[in-house]
Amino acid sequence: MKKVIIAVGIFAIILTILLIYQGNSPEFFDIFGFVMFLYLIGLGIYMLKKNKKPEWISLTILEIGILGSIVDGFIVIKTFILGG
């Protein structure tokens, strides 16, 4: 699982760099951010189940994922789904 987490992180960094040079609108990156916050939620849940790190680290990652997905999810829904 550790190799998968590292591979996803490296892929995310490379994809972000490529997307920046495409000249997309700032709202486009909220879709990418929403997906990454969902990844953080999954990582936080995984860390809580495995008890490998102190619990407060896992809870912090989970909290960042939840709050970030709420914010980016709202922006994505407002911009791309509702068209506002």
Protein backbone atom coordinates (compact mmCIF):
# COMPACT_ATOMS: atom_id res chain seq x y z
CA MET A 1 0.00 0.00 0.00
CA LYS A 2 2.91 2.34 0.72
CA LYS A 3 4.16 2.04 -2.87
CA VAL A 4 0.67 2.85 -4.18
CA ILE A 5 0.49 5.98 -2.02
CA ILE A 6 3.90 7.14 -3.24
CA ALA A 7 3.00 6.40 -6.88
CA VAL A 8 -0.28 8.33 -6.62
CA GLY A 9 1.53 11.29 -5.03
CA ILE A 10 4.16 11.41 -7.77
CA PHE A 11 1.48 11.07 -10.45
CA ALA A 12 -0.47 13.94 -8.87
CA ILE A 13 2.59 16.21 -8.88
CA ILE A 14 3.41 15.46 -12.52
CA LEU A 15 -0.22 15.90 -13.58
CA THR A 16 -0.44 19.23 -11.75
CA ILE A 17 2.67 20.55 -13.48
CA LEU A 18 1.34 19.48 -16.88
CA LEU A 19 -2.07 21.02 -16.23
CA ILE A 20 -0.55 24.35 -15.18
CA TYR A 21 1.20 24.66 -18.54
CA GLN A 22 -2.04 23.94 -20.43
CA GLY A 23 -3.42 27.36 -19.47
CA ASN A 24 -6.68 26.12 -17.97
CA SER A 25 -9.01 28.35 -15.97
CA PRO A 26 -8.56 28.37 -12.18
CA GLU A 27 -11.90 26.61 -11.70
CA PHE A 28 -10.60 23.61 -13.62
CA PHE A 29 -8.09 22.94 -10.85
CA ASP A 30 -10.93 22.68 -8.33
CA ILE A 31 -11.95 19.42 -10.01
CA PHE A 32 -8.43 18.11 -9.54
CA GLY A 33 -8.36 19.43 -5.97
CA PHE A 34 -11.65 17.71 -5.19
CA VAL A 35 -10.23 14.38 -6.34
CA MET A 36 -7.08 14.90 -4.27
CA PHE A 37 -9.12 15.73 -1.17
CA LEU A 38 -11.06 12.49 -1.70
CA TYR A 39 -7.67 10.75 -1.80
CA LEU A 40 -6.75 12.39 1.53
CA ILE A 41 -10.01 11.13 3.03
CA GLY A 42 -9.14 7.60 1.92
CA LEU A 43 -5.59 7.94 3.23
CA GLY A 44 -6.82 9.21 6.60
CA ILE A 45 -9.27 6.32 6.95
CA TYR A 46 -6.55 3.84 5.96
CA MET A 47 -4.15 5.30 8.52
CA LEU A 48 -6.79 5.16 11.26
CA LYS A 49 -7.51 1.50 10.52
CA LYS A 50 -3.82 0.49 10.49
CA ASN A 51 -2.80 2.45 13.63
CA LYS A 52 0.73 2.96 12.25
CA LYS A 53 1.02 6.67 13.05
CA PRO A 54 -0.19 8.68 16.01
CA GLU A 55 -3.95 9.04 15.85
CA TRP A 56 -3.85 12.85 15.72
CA ILE A 57 -1.93 12.76 12.42
CA SER A 58 -4.53 10.47 10.85
CA LEU A 59 -7.37 12.61 12.15
CA THR A 60 -5.71 15.79 10.83
CA ILE A 61 -5.31 14.30 7.35
CA LEU A 62 -8.91 13.09 7.44
CA GLU A 63 -10.13 16.52 8.57
CA ILE A 64 -8.19 18.32 5.83
CA GLY A 65 -9.65 15.92 3.28
CA ILE A 66 -13.22 16.40 4.47
CA LEU A 67 -13.05 20.19 4.70
CA GLY A 68 -11.23 20.52 1.38
CA SER A 69 -13.68 18.26 -0.43
CA ILE A 70 -16.58 20.33 0.91
CA VAL A 71 -15.05 23.60 -0.33
CA ASP A 72 -13.88 22.29 -3.71
CA GLY A 73 -17.05 20.25 -4.16
CA PHE A 74 -19.14 23.38 -3.66
CA ILE A 75 -17.08 25.30 -6.22
CA VAL A 76 -17.24 22.45 -8.75
CA ILE A 77 -21.01 22.05 -8.36
CA LYS A 78 -21.60 25.80 -8.58
CA THR A 79 -19.30 26.35 -11.57
CA PHE A 80 -19.64 23.25 -13.71
CA ILE A 81 -22.95 21.61 -12.80
CA LEU A 82 -25.17 24.62 -12.10
CA GLY A 83 -23.31 26.80 -14.59
CA GLY A 84 -22.86 29.76 -12.29
